[in-house]
Amino acid sequence: MDDAVRDYIDAIAPEHRPLFDRVHGLVLEVRPDAAVVLSYGIPTYKVGRRRLFVGVWRHGVSVYGWQEGRDGGFTARHPELRTSTGTIRLRPEDAAAVGDDELRDLVRAALGG
């Protein structure tokens, strides 16, 4: 992880840091080989040609960047969390209802593995 990513993570507001840390940890658990870089101003997990972007915004954490059909069924199970642009928007209160296994499945489908 480069300094730009560390700076981004260090600047995350305290109310969103636990959710970001959860998602970040699960991505690296599933794909410890993922390169973590800053792309489009947010942490990006790269494995080969695949990318998964995880950004922190006012609402919470957004996850996007997977190819159509590579979300492990996540958006079918949680259609209320998907925006019209294909982004998954996780507010802390929404994330409490999403299990770690579901997020791991999303990561596996998006990044392979």
N, C-alpha and C. Protein backbone atom coordinates (compact mmCIF):
# COMPACT_ATOMS: atom_id res chain seq x y z
N MET A 1 0.85 -1.17 0.00
CA MET A 1 0.00 0.00 0.00
C MET A 1 0.90 1.24 0.00
N ASP A 2 0.58 2.17 -0.88
CA ASP A 2 1.44 3.34 -0.97
C ASP A 2 1.00 4.44 0.01
N ASP A 3 1.83 5.48 0.12
CA ASP A 3 1.57 6.56 1.07
C ASP A 3 0.26 7.28 0.79
N ALA A 4 -0.12 7.42 -0.47
CA ALA A 4 -1.36 8.10 -0.81
C ALA A 4 -2.57 7.35 -0.24
N VAL A 5 -2.53 6.03 -0.30
CA VAL A 5 -3.62 5.23 0.25
C VAL A 5 -3.63 5.36 1.77
N ARG A 6 -2.47 5.29 2.39
CA ARG A 6 -2.40 5.46 3.85
C ARG A 6 -2.95 6.82 4.28
N ASP A 7 -2.59 7.86 3.54
CA ASP A 7 -3.09 9.20 3.85
C ASP A 7 -4.62 9.25 3.73
N TYR A 8 -5.16 8.61 2.68
CA TYR A 8 -6.61 8.56 2.49
C TYR A 8 -7.26 7.88 3.69
N ILE A 9 -6.75 6.73 4.07
CA ILE A 9 -7.32 5.97 5.18
C ILE A 9 -7.21 6.75 6.48
N ASP A 10 -6.08 7.38 6.72
CA ASP A 10 -5.89 8.15 7.95
C ASP A 10 -6.86 9.33 8.04
N ALA A 11 -7.33 9.83 6.91
CA ALA A 11 -8.22 10.99 6.89
C ALA A 11 -9.71 10.62 6.96
N ILE A 12 -10.04 9.34 7.00
CA ILE A 12 -11.44 8.92 7.05
C ILE A 12 -12.05 9.37 8.38
N ALA A 13 -13.25 9.93 8.29
CA ALA A 13 -13.96 10.39 9.49
C ALA A 13 -14.20 9.22 10.44
N PRO A 14 -14.09 9.46 11.73
CA PRO A 14 -14.23 8.38 12.72
C PRO A 14 -15.54 7.60 12.60
N GLU A 15 -16.62 8.24 12.19
CA GLU A 15 -17.90 7.53 12.09
C GLU A 15 -17.94 6.54 10.93
N HIS A 16 -17.04 6.69 9.96
CA HIS A 16 -17.01 5.77 8.81
C HIS A 16 -15.82 4.82 8.82
N ARG A 17 -14.88 5.07 9.70
CA ARG A 17 -13.66 4.25 9.71
C ARG A 17 -13.93 2.77 10.01
N PRO A 18 -14.79 2.41 10.97
CA PRO A 18 -15.03 0.98 11.21
C PRO A 18 -15.58 0.24 9.99
N LEU A 19 -16.49 0.88 9.26
CA LEU A 19 -17.05 0.23 8.07
C LEU A 19 -15.99 0.11 6.98
N PHE A 20 -15.21 1.16 6.76
CA PHE A 20 -14.15 1.07 5.77
C PHE A 20 -13.16 -0.03 6.17
N ASP A 21 -12.76 -0.06 7.43
CA ASP A 21 -11.80 -1.07 7.89
C ASP A 21 -12.35 -2.48 7.69
N ARG A 22 -13.65 -2.64 7.91
CA ARG A 22 -14.27 -3.96 7.69
C ARG A 22 -14.16 -4.37 6.23
N VAL A 23 -14.58 -3.50 5.32
CA VAL A 23 -14.53 -3.82 3.89
C VAL A 23 -13.10 -4.02 3.43
N HIS A 24 -12.22 -3.12 3.81
CA HIS A 24 -10.80 -3.21 3.44
C HIS A 24 -10.20 -4.54 3.92
N GLY A 25 -10.47 -4.89 5.16
CA GLY A 25 -9.95 -6.13 5.72
C GLY A 25 -10.47 -7.35 4.99
N LEU A 26 -11.74 -7.35 4.64
CA LEU A 26 -12.31 -8.49 3.92
C LEU A 26 -11.74 -8.62 2.51
N VAL A 27 -11.53 -7.48 1.85
CA VAL A 27 -10.92 -7.54 0.51
C VAL A 27 -9.53 -8.18 0.61
N LEU A 28 -8.74 -7.73 1.57
CA LEU A 28 -7.38 -8.26 1.69
C LEU A 28 -7.36 -9.68 2.23
N GLU A 29 -8.38 -10.08 2.97
CA GLU A 29 -8.49 -11.47 3.42
C GLU A 29 -8.72 -12.38 2.22
N VAL A 30 -9.63 -11.97 1.34
CA VAL A 30 -9.96 -12.78 0.16
C VAL A 30 -8.83 -12.72 -0.86
N ARG A 31 -8.26 -11.55 -1.06
CA ARG A 31 -7.22 -11.35 -2.07
C ARG A 31 -6.01 -10.66 -1.45
N PRO A 32 -5.23 -11.38 -0.62
CA PRO A 32 -4.06 -10.76 -0.01
C PRO A 32 -3.03 -10.30 -1.04
N ASP A 33 -3.15 -10.80 -2.26
CA ASP A 33 -2.24 -10.42 -3.33
C ASP A 33 -2.67 -9.15 -4.06
N ALA A 34 -3.81 -8.58 -3.68
CA ALA A 34 -4.30 -7.38 -4.36
C ALA A 34 -3.36 -6.20 -4.10
N ALA A 35 -3.04 -5.50 -5.16
CA ALA A 35 -2.31 -4.24 -5.03
C ALA A 35 -3.33 -3.19 -4.62
N VAL A 36 -2.99 -2.37 -3.64
CA VAL A 36 -3.89 -1.31 -3.19
C VAL A 36 -3.25 0.01 -3.57
N VAL A 37 -3.94 0.73 -4.46
CA VAL A 37 -3.44 2.00 -4.96
C VAL A 37 -4.55 3.04 -4.88
N LEU A 38 -4.20 4.29 -5.04
CA LEU A 38 -5.19 5.34 -5.12
C LEU A 38 -5.49 5.58 -6.59
N SER A 39 -6.75 5.44 -6.96
CA SER A 39 -7.17 5.66 -8.34
C SER A 39 -8.48 6.44 -8.29
N TYR A 40 -8.60 7.46 -9.09
CA TYR A 40 -9.76 8.35 -9.05
C TYR A 40 -9.95 8.92 -7.64
N GLY A 41 -8.86 9.02 -6.90
CA GLY A 41 -8.90 9.62 -5.58
C GLY A 41 -9.35 8.72 -4.45
N ILE A 42 -9.57 7.41 -4.74
CA ILE A 42 -10.02 6.49 -3.70
C ILE A 42 -9.22 5.19 -3.76
N PRO A 43 -9.20 4.44 -2.66
CA PRO A 43 -8.49 3.16 -2.67
C PRO A 43 -9.07 2.21 -3.72
N THR A 44 -8.17 1.59 -4.45
CA THR A 44 -8.52 0.68 -5.52
C THR A 44 -7.71 -0.59 -5.35
N TYR A 45 -8.42 -1.72 -5.41
CA TYR A 45 -7.79 -3.03 -5.24
C TYR A 45 -7.66 -3.63 -6.63
N LYS A 46 -6.42 -3.95 -7.00
CA LYS A 46 -6.14 -4.43 -8.35
C LYS A 46 -5.59 -5.85 -8.30
N VAL A 47 -6.20 -6.71 -9.11
CA VAL A 47 -5.71 -8.08 -9.30
C VAL A 47 -5.76 -8.32 -10.81
N GLY A 48 -4.60 -8.38 -11.42
CA GLY A 48 -4.57 -8.51 -12.88
C GLY A 48 -5.27 -7.32 -13.50
N ARG A 49 -6.25 -7.59 -14.36
CA ARG A 49 -6.99 -6.51 -15.02
C ARG A 49 -8.25 -6.10 -14.25
N ARG A 50 -8.54 -6.82 -13.19
CA ARG A 50 -9.75 -6.53 -12.41
C ARG A 50 -9.49 -5.46 -11.36
N ARG A 51 -10.53 -4.68 -11.08
CA ARG A 51 -10.45 -3.59 -10.12
C ARG A 51 -11.69 -3.59 -9.24
N LEU A 52 -11.49 -3.16 -8.00
CA LEU A 52 -12.60 -2.91 -7.09
C LEU A 52 -12.27 -1.62 -6.36
N PHE A 53 -13.17 -0.65 -6.46
CA PHE A 53 -12.97 0.67 -5.86
C PHE A 53 -13.79 0.74 -4.57
N VAL A 54 -13.20 1.30 -3.52
CA VAL A 54 -13.89 1.45 -2.24
C VAL A 54 -13.66 2.88 -1.76
N GLY A 55 -14.71 3.68 -1.80
CA GLY A 55 -14.59 5.08 -1.41
C GLY A 55 -15.45 5.39 -0.20
N VAL A 56 -15.01 6.34 0.58
CA VAL A 56 -15.78 6.81 1.73
C VAL A 56 -16.37 8.16 1.39
N TRP A 57 -17.68 8.28 1.60
CA TRP A 57 -18.40 9.51 1.30
C TRP A 57 -19.23 9.89 2.51
N ARG A 58 -20.02 10.93 2.39
CA ARG A 58 -20.84 11.38 3.53
C ARG A 58 -21.78 10.30 4.06
N HIS A 59 -22.33 9.50 3.17
CA HIS A 59 -23.30 8.47 3.59
C HIS A 59 -22.64 7.27 4.25
N GLY A 60 -21.40 7.00 3.89
CA GLY A 60 -20.71 5.80 4.37
C GLY A 60 -19.68 5.35 3.34
N VAL A 61 -19.78 4.10 2.92
CA VAL A 61 -18.81 3.51 2.00
C VAL A 61 -19.51 3.10 0.71
N SER A 62 -18.88 3.38 -0.42
CA SER A 62 -19.38 2.92 -1.71
C SER A 62 -18.37 1.96 -2.32
N VAL A 63 -18.91 0.92 -2.95
CA VAL A 63 -18.09 -0.10 -3.60
C VAL A 63 -18.54 -0.17 -5.05
N TYR A 64 -17.58 -0.12 -5.97
CA TYR A 64 -17.94 -0.21 -7.39
C TYR A 64 -16.73 -0.64 -8.21
N GLY A 65 -17.00 -0.89 -9.49
CA GLY A 65 -15.92 -1.20 -10.41
C GLY A 65 -15.92 -2.62 -10.95
N TRP A 66 -16.79 -3.49 -10.45
CA TRP A 66 -16.81 -4.85 -10.95
C TRP A 66 -17.53 -4.88 -12.29
N GLN A 67 -17.25 -5.90 -13.06
CA GLN A 67 -17.93 -6.05 -14.35
C GLN A 67 -19.32 -6.62 -14.12
N GLU A 68 -20.23 -6.32 -15.03
CA GLU A 68 -21.60 -6.80 -14.95
C GLU A 68 -21.62 -8.30 -14.70
N GLY A 69 -22.40 -8.72 -13.72
CA GLY A 69 -22.52 -10.14 -13.41
C GLY A 69 -21.44 -10.67 -12.49
N ARG A 70 -20.53 -9.82 -12.08
CA ARG A 70 -19.44 -10.26 -11.19
C ARG A 70 -19.58 -9.61 -9.81
N ASP A 71 -20.73 -9.81 -9.21
CA ASP A 71 -20.93 -9.30 -7.86
C ASP A 71 -21.34 -10.41 -6.90
N GLY A 72 -21.24 -11.66 -7.33
CA GLY A 72 -21.55 -12.79 -6.47
C GLY A 72 -23.01 -12.83 -6.01
N GLY A 73 -23.90 -12.19 -6.77
CA GLY A 73 -25.32 -12.15 -6.41
C GLY A 73 -25.66 -11.10 -5.37
N PHE A 74 -24.68 -10.28 -5.01
CA PHE A 74 -24.88 -9.29 -3.95
C PHE A 74 -26.04 -8.35 -4.27
N THR A 75 -26.06 -7.77 -5.47
CA THR A 75 -27.09 -6.77 -5.77
C THR A 75 -28.46 -7.41 -5.93
N ALA A 76 -28.51 -8.70 -6.27
CA ALA A 76 -29.80 -9.39 -6.32
C ALA A 76 -30.36 -9.57 -4.91
N ARG A 77 -29.49 -9.83 -3.94
CA ARG A 77 -29.92 -10.00 -2.55
C ARG A 77 -30.18 -8.67 -1.86
N HIS A 78 -29.51 -7.62 -2.31
CA HIS A 78 -29.63 -6.29 -1.67
C HIS A 78 -29.87 -5.21 -2.73
N PRO A 79 -30.96 -5.30 -3.49
CA PRO A 79 -31.19 -4.31 -4.55
C PRO A 79 -31.33 -2.89 -4.02
N GLU A 80 -31.74 -2.74 -2.78
CA GLU A 80 -31.91 -1.41 -2.20
C GLU A 80 -30.58 -0.69 -1.98
N LEU A 81 -29.47 -1.42 -2.02
CA LEU A 81 -28.16 -0.82 -1.81
C LEU A 81 -27.47 -0.42 -3.11
N ARG A 82 -28.03 -0.83 -4.24
CA ARG A 82 -27.43 -0.51 -5.53
C ARG A 82 -28.02 0.78 -6.08
N THR A 83 -27.15 1.64 -6.57
CA THR A 83 -27.62 2.88 -7.19
C THR A 83 -27.80 2.66 -8.68
N SER A 84 -28.33 3.65 -9.36
CA SER A 84 -28.55 3.54 -10.81
C SER A 84 -27.24 3.42 -11.58
N THR A 85 -26.13 3.83 -10.98
CA THR A 85 -24.84 3.74 -11.66
C THR A 85 -24.12 2.42 -11.38
N GLY A 86 -24.77 1.52 -10.64
CA GLY A 86 -24.16 0.23 -10.35
C GLY A 86 -23.29 0.22 -9.12
N THR A 87 -23.33 1.29 -8.37
CA THR A 87 -22.55 1.40 -7.14
C THR A 87 -23.32 0.78 -5.98
N ILE A 88 -22.62 0.12 -5.09
CA ILE A 88 -23.23 -0.34 -3.85
C ILE A 88 -22.94 0.72 -2.79
N ARG A 89 -23.99 1.27 -2.24
CA ARG A 89 -23.85 2.31 -1.20
C ARG A 89 -24.18 1.68 0.14
N LEU A 90 -23.17 1.62 0.99
CA LEU A 90 -23.33 1.04 2.33
C LEU A 90 -23.28 2.14 3.38
N ARG A 91 -24.40 2.41 3.98
CA ARG A 91 -24.41 3.26 5.16
C ARG A 91 -24.15 2.34 6.35
N PRO A 92 -23.60 2.85 7.42
CA PRO A 92 -23.31 1.98 8.56
C PRO A 92 -24.52 1.16 9.01
N GLU A 93 -25.70 1.77 9.01
CA GLU A 93 -26.89 1.03 9.44
C GLU A 93 -27.28 -0.06 8.44
N ASP A 94 -27.02 0.13 7.15
CA ASP A 94 -27.28 -0.90 6.14
C ASP A 94 -26.27 -2.03 6.25
N ALA A 95 -25.03 -1.66 6.47
CA ALA A 95 -23.95 -2.65 6.51
C ALA A 95 -24.12 -3.62 7.65
N ALA A 96 -24.78 -3.20 8.71
CA ALA A 96 -25.01 -4.08 9.86
C ALA A 96 -25.84 -5.30 9.46
N ALA A 97 -26.66 -5.16 8.41
CA ALA A 97 -27.50 -6.27 7.96
C ALA A 97 -26.84 -7.12 6.87
N VAL A 98 -25.62 -6.77 6.49
CA VAL A 98 -24.89 -7.49 5.44
C VAL A 98 -23.78 -8.29 6.11
N GLY A 99 -23.82 -9.60 5.90
CA GLY A 99 -22.81 -10.46 6.52
C GLY A 99 -21.46 -10.39 5.82
N ASP A 100 -20.43 -10.71 6.58
CA ASP A 100 -19.08 -10.74 6.01
C ASP A 100 -18.98 -11.71 4.85
N ASP A 101 -19.67 -12.85 4.93
CA ASP A 101 -19.61 -13.82 3.83
C ASP A 101 -20.16 -13.23 2.54
N GLU A 102 -21.20 -12.41 2.64
CA GLU A 102 -21.74 -11.77 1.44
C GLU A 102 -20.73 -10.81 0.83
N LEU A 103 -20.04 -10.07 1.68
CA LEU A 103 -19.02 -9.16 1.16
C LEU A 103 -17.84 -9.93 0.59
N ARG A 104 -17.47 -11.03 1.23
CA ARG A 104 -16.40 -11.87 0.67
C ARG A 104 -16.79 -12.40 -0.71
N ASP A 105 -18.04 -12.84 -0.85
CA ASP A 105 -18.52 -13.33 -2.15
C ASP A 105 -18.45 -12.25 -3.21
N LEU A 106 -18.80 -11.03 -2.84
CA LEU A 106 -18.70 -9.90 -3.76
C LEU A 106 -17.26 -9.71 -4.21
N VAL A 107 -16.34 -9.73 -3.26
CA VAL A 107 -14.91 -9.55 -3.58
C VAL A 107 -14.42 -10.68 -4.48
N ARG A 108 -14.76 -11.93 -4.14
CA ARG A 108 -14.33 -13.07 -4.97
C ARG A 108 -14.83 -12.93 -6.40
N ALA A 109 -16.10 -12.55 -6.54
CA ALA A 109 -16.68 -12.42 -7.87
C ALA A 109 -16.05 -11.26 -8.64
N ALA A 110 -15.78 -10.17 -7.94
CA ALA A 110 -15.23 -8.98 -8.60
C ALA A 110 -13.76 -9.14 -8.95
N LEU A 111 -12.99 -9.71 -8.02
CA LEU A 111 -11.54 -9.78 -8.22
C LEU A 111 -11.03 -11.18 -8.54
N GLY A 112 -11.92 -12.15 -8.55
CA GLY A 112 -11.50 -13.53 -8.77
C GLY A 112 -10.97 -14.13 -7.48
N GLY A 113 -10.93 -15.43 -7.45
CA GLY A 113 -10.37 -16.07 -6.25
C GLY A 113 -11.28 -16.90 -5.50
